[in-house]
Amino acid sequence: MPDAAAAPSTGIAPTEVMQVNERTVACDGGGGNLGHPRVYLRIVGEEVMCPYCSRLYVLNPGAGHASGH
């Protein structure tokens, strides 16, 4: 798992790193008072960062290669 250093594509340090198996992820910032509106993010390369809360979603090796939607 990547450390808490700045994400290479943004230069911003992530608040949390989430390992995922799908190229489309939903982020709501954790819900509750600390959350934000739910946004759907598409992982094009290997990672994507939420523009609201700076969670970094990292695609697990070998995952996300399905030809579906």
N, C-alpha and C. Protein backbone atom coordinates (compact mmCIF):
# COMPACT_ATOMS: atom_id res chain seq x y z
N MET A 1 0.85 -1.18 0.00
CA MET A 1 0.00 0.00 0.00
C MET A 1 0.89 1.23 0.00
N PRO A 2 0.53 2.23 -0.80
CA PRO A 2 1.34 3.45 -0.82
C PRO A 2 1.34 4.14 0.53
N ASP A 3 2.43 4.81 0.83
CA ASP A 3 2.48 5.54 2.09
C ASP A 3 1.70 6.84 1.96
N ALA A 4 1.70 7.64 3.01
CA ALA A 4 0.91 8.87 3.02
C ALA A 4 1.61 10.03 2.32
N ALA A 5 2.61 9.74 1.53
CA ALA A 5 3.28 10.80 0.78
C ALA A 5 2.32 11.36 -0.26
N ALA A 6 2.69 12.45 -0.86
CA ALA A 6 1.84 13.10 -1.85
C ALA A 6 1.55 12.17 -3.02
N ALA A 7 0.32 12.23 -3.50
CA ALA A 7 -0.06 11.45 -4.67
C ALA A 7 0.73 11.98 -5.87
N PRO A 8 1.35 11.10 -6.65
CA PRO A 8 2.18 11.55 -7.77
C PRO A 8 1.47 12.47 -8.76
N SER A 9 0.20 12.20 -9.04
CA SER A 9 -0.49 12.98 -10.06
C SER A 9 -0.97 14.35 -9.58
N THR A 10 -1.10 14.54 -8.25
CA THR A 10 -1.65 15.80 -7.75
C THR A 10 -0.68 16.61 -6.90
N GLY A 11 0.26 15.94 -6.25
CA GLY A 11 1.16 16.63 -5.34
C GLY A 11 0.52 16.93 -3.99
N ILE A 12 -0.72 16.46 -3.78
CA ILE A 12 -1.44 16.67 -2.53
C ILE A 12 -1.36 15.41 -1.69
N ALA A 13 -1.10 15.56 -0.39
CA ALA A 13 -1.05 14.40 0.50
C ALA A 13 -2.47 13.89 0.74
N PRO A 14 -2.73 12.60 0.51
CA PRO A 14 -4.07 12.06 0.73
C PRO A 14 -4.42 11.99 2.21
N THR A 15 -5.71 12.14 2.52
CA THR A 15 -6.16 12.01 3.90
C THR A 15 -6.28 10.55 4.29
N GLU A 16 -6.49 9.70 3.29
CA GLU A 16 -6.67 8.27 3.51
C GLU A 16 -6.43 7.57 2.18
N VAL A 17 -5.88 6.35 2.23
CA VAL A 17 -5.65 5.58 1.01
C VAL A 17 -6.59 4.38 1.03
N MET A 18 -7.38 4.25 -0.02
CA MET A 18 -8.37 3.18 -0.13
C MET A 18 -7.96 2.25 -1.28
N GLN A 19 -7.73 0.97 -0.99
CA GLN A 19 -7.43 -0.03 -2.02
C GLN A 19 -8.76 -0.52 -2.57
N VAL A 20 -8.94 -0.52 -3.89
CA VAL A 20 -10.21 -0.92 -4.51
C VAL A 20 -10.00 -1.89 -5.65
N ASN A 21 -11.06 -2.60 -6.02
CA ASN A 21 -11.01 -3.57 -7.10
C ASN A 21 -11.78 -3.14 -8.34
N GLU A 22 -12.45 -2.01 -8.28
CA GLU A 22 -13.25 -1.52 -9.40
C GLU A 22 -12.74 -0.16 -9.86
N ARG A 23 -12.91 0.13 -11.15
CA ARG A 23 -12.45 1.40 -11.70
C ARG A 23 -13.39 2.57 -11.39
N THR A 24 -14.62 2.29 -11.00
CA THR A 24 -15.54 3.34 -10.61
C THR A 24 -15.81 3.22 -9.11
N VAL A 25 -15.57 4.29 -8.38
CA VAL A 25 -15.78 4.29 -6.93
C VAL A 25 -16.68 5.45 -6.55
N ALA A 26 -17.43 5.28 -5.46
CA ALA A 26 -18.28 6.34 -4.92
C ALA A 26 -17.64 6.83 -3.63
N CYS A 27 -17.55 8.14 -3.48
CA CYS A 27 -16.96 8.72 -2.27
C CYS A 27 -17.95 9.72 -1.69
N ASP A 28 -18.19 9.60 -0.37
CA ASP A 28 -19.03 10.57 0.34
C ASP A 28 -18.28 11.18 1.52
N GLY A 29 -16.98 10.97 1.55
CA GLY A 29 -16.16 11.54 2.61
C GLY A 29 -16.31 10.86 3.95
N GLY A 30 -17.00 9.75 4.01
CA GLY A 30 -17.18 9.04 5.26
C GLY A 30 -18.52 9.29 5.91
N GLY A 31 -19.35 10.12 5.32
CA GLY A 31 -20.69 10.36 5.85
C GLY A 31 -20.69 11.21 7.11
N GLY A 32 -21.84 11.37 7.68
CA GLY A 32 -21.98 12.16 8.89
C GLY A 32 -21.64 13.63 8.66
N ASN A 33 -21.32 14.33 9.72
CA ASN A 33 -21.00 15.75 9.63
C ASN A 33 -19.71 16.03 8.87
N LEU A 34 -18.84 15.04 8.78
CA LEU A 34 -17.56 15.24 8.11
C LEU A 34 -17.61 14.84 6.63
N GLY A 35 -18.77 14.39 6.17
CA GLY A 35 -18.89 13.93 4.79
C GLY A 35 -19.09 15.06 3.79
N HIS A 36 -19.35 14.67 2.56
CA HIS A 36 -19.62 15.60 1.47
C HIS A 36 -20.59 14.93 0.52
N PRO A 37 -21.11 15.65 -0.48
CA PRO A 37 -22.03 15.00 -1.44
C PRO A 37 -21.35 13.80 -2.09
N ARG A 38 -22.11 12.75 -2.33
CA ARG A 38 -21.55 11.56 -2.97
C ARG A 38 -21.13 11.90 -4.40
N VAL A 39 -19.90 11.53 -4.72
CA VAL A 39 -19.38 11.71 -6.08
C VAL A 39 -18.87 10.36 -6.57
N TYR A 40 -19.00 10.15 -7.87
CA TYR A 40 -18.50 8.93 -8.49
C TYR A 40 -17.24 9.29 -9.25
N LEU A 41 -16.18 8.55 -8.95
CA LEU A 41 -14.87 8.82 -9.54
C LEU A 41 -14.46 7.64 -10.40
N ARG A 42 -13.85 7.91 -11.53
CA ARG A 42 -13.38 6.87 -12.45
C ARG A 42 -11.86 6.81 -12.40
N ILE A 43 -11.33 5.62 -12.14
CA ILE A 43 -9.88 5.42 -12.11
C ILE A 43 -9.44 5.10 -13.53
N VAL A 44 -8.72 6.02 -14.15
CA VAL A 44 -8.27 5.84 -15.53
C VAL A 44 -6.94 5.08 -15.55
N GLY A 45 -6.00 5.46 -14.72
CA GLY A 45 -4.71 4.79 -14.64
C GLY A 45 -4.71 3.81 -13.49
N GLU A 46 -4.03 4.19 -12.40
CA GLU A 46 -3.95 3.32 -11.23
C GLU A 46 -4.57 3.95 -9.99
N GLU A 47 -4.87 5.26 -10.03
CA GLU A 47 -5.39 5.92 -8.84
C GLU A 47 -6.20 7.15 -9.22
N VAL A 48 -7.04 7.58 -8.27
CA VAL A 48 -7.78 8.82 -8.42
C VAL A 48 -7.98 9.40 -7.02
N MET A 49 -7.95 10.74 -6.92
CA MET A 49 -8.14 11.39 -5.63
C MET A 49 -9.46 12.14 -5.64
N CYS A 50 -10.19 12.04 -4.54
CA CYS A 50 -11.46 12.75 -4.41
C CYS A 50 -11.17 14.25 -4.29
N PRO A 51 -11.84 15.07 -5.10
CA PRO A 51 -11.59 16.51 -5.05
C PRO A 51 -12.16 17.17 -3.80
N TYR A 52 -13.07 16.50 -3.09
CA TYR A 52 -13.65 17.07 -1.88
C TYR A 52 -12.81 16.77 -0.64
N CYS A 53 -12.48 15.49 -0.42
CA CYS A 53 -11.87 15.09 0.86
C CYS A 53 -10.44 14.58 0.73
N SER A 54 -9.91 14.50 -0.47
CA SER A 54 -8.54 14.05 -0.74
C SER A 54 -8.28 12.59 -0.38
N ARG A 55 -9.34 11.77 -0.35
CA ARG A 55 -9.11 10.33 -0.23
C ARG A 55 -8.49 9.87 -1.54
N LEU A 56 -7.49 9.01 -1.45
CA LEU A 56 -6.84 8.47 -2.63
C LEU A 56 -7.32 7.04 -2.84
N TYR A 57 -7.92 6.78 -3.99
CA TYR A 57 -8.38 5.44 -4.34
C TYR A 57 -7.36 4.83 -5.28
N VAL A 58 -6.80 3.69 -4.85
CA VAL A 58 -5.74 3.00 -5.61
C VAL A 58 -6.28 1.65 -6.07
N LEU A 59 -6.17 1.40 -7.36
CA LEU A 59 -6.64 0.15 -7.94
C LEU A 59 -5.68 -0.97 -7.57
N ASN A 60 -6.21 -2.07 -7.03
CA ASN A 60 -5.39 -3.22 -6.70
C ASN A 60 -4.77 -3.82 -7.97
N PRO A 61 -3.57 -4.38 -7.87
CA PRO A 61 -2.95 -4.99 -9.06
C PRO A 61 -3.85 -6.09 -9.65
N GLY A 62 -4.02 -6.07 -10.96
CA GLY A 62 -4.82 -7.07 -11.65
C GLY A 62 -6.31 -6.81 -11.62
N ALA A 63 -6.76 -5.78 -10.92
CA ALA A 63 -8.19 -5.49 -10.81
C ALA A 63 -8.61 -4.45 -11.86
N GLY A 64 -9.89 -4.40 -12.11
CA GLY A 64 -10.45 -3.37 -12.97
C GLY A 64 -10.21 -3.55 -14.45
N HIS A 65 -9.96 -4.77 -14.89
CA HIS A 65 -9.71 -4.99 -16.31
C HIS A 65 -10.92 -5.54 -17.04
N ALA A 66 -12.08 -5.54 -16.39
CA ALA A 66 -13.30 -6.05 -17.03
C ALA A 66 -13.69 -5.14 -18.19
N SER A 67 -14.33 -5.70 -19.17
CA SER A 67 -14.73 -4.90 -20.33
C SER A 67 -16.15 -4.37 -20.19
N GLY A 68 -16.78 -4.55 -19.03
CA GLY A 68 -18.14 -4.07 -18.80
C GLY A 68 -18.18 -2.56 -18.65
N HIS A 69 -19.25 -2.06 -18.09
CA HIS A 69 -19.51 -0.63 -17.95
C HIS A 69 -18.47 0.02 -17.08
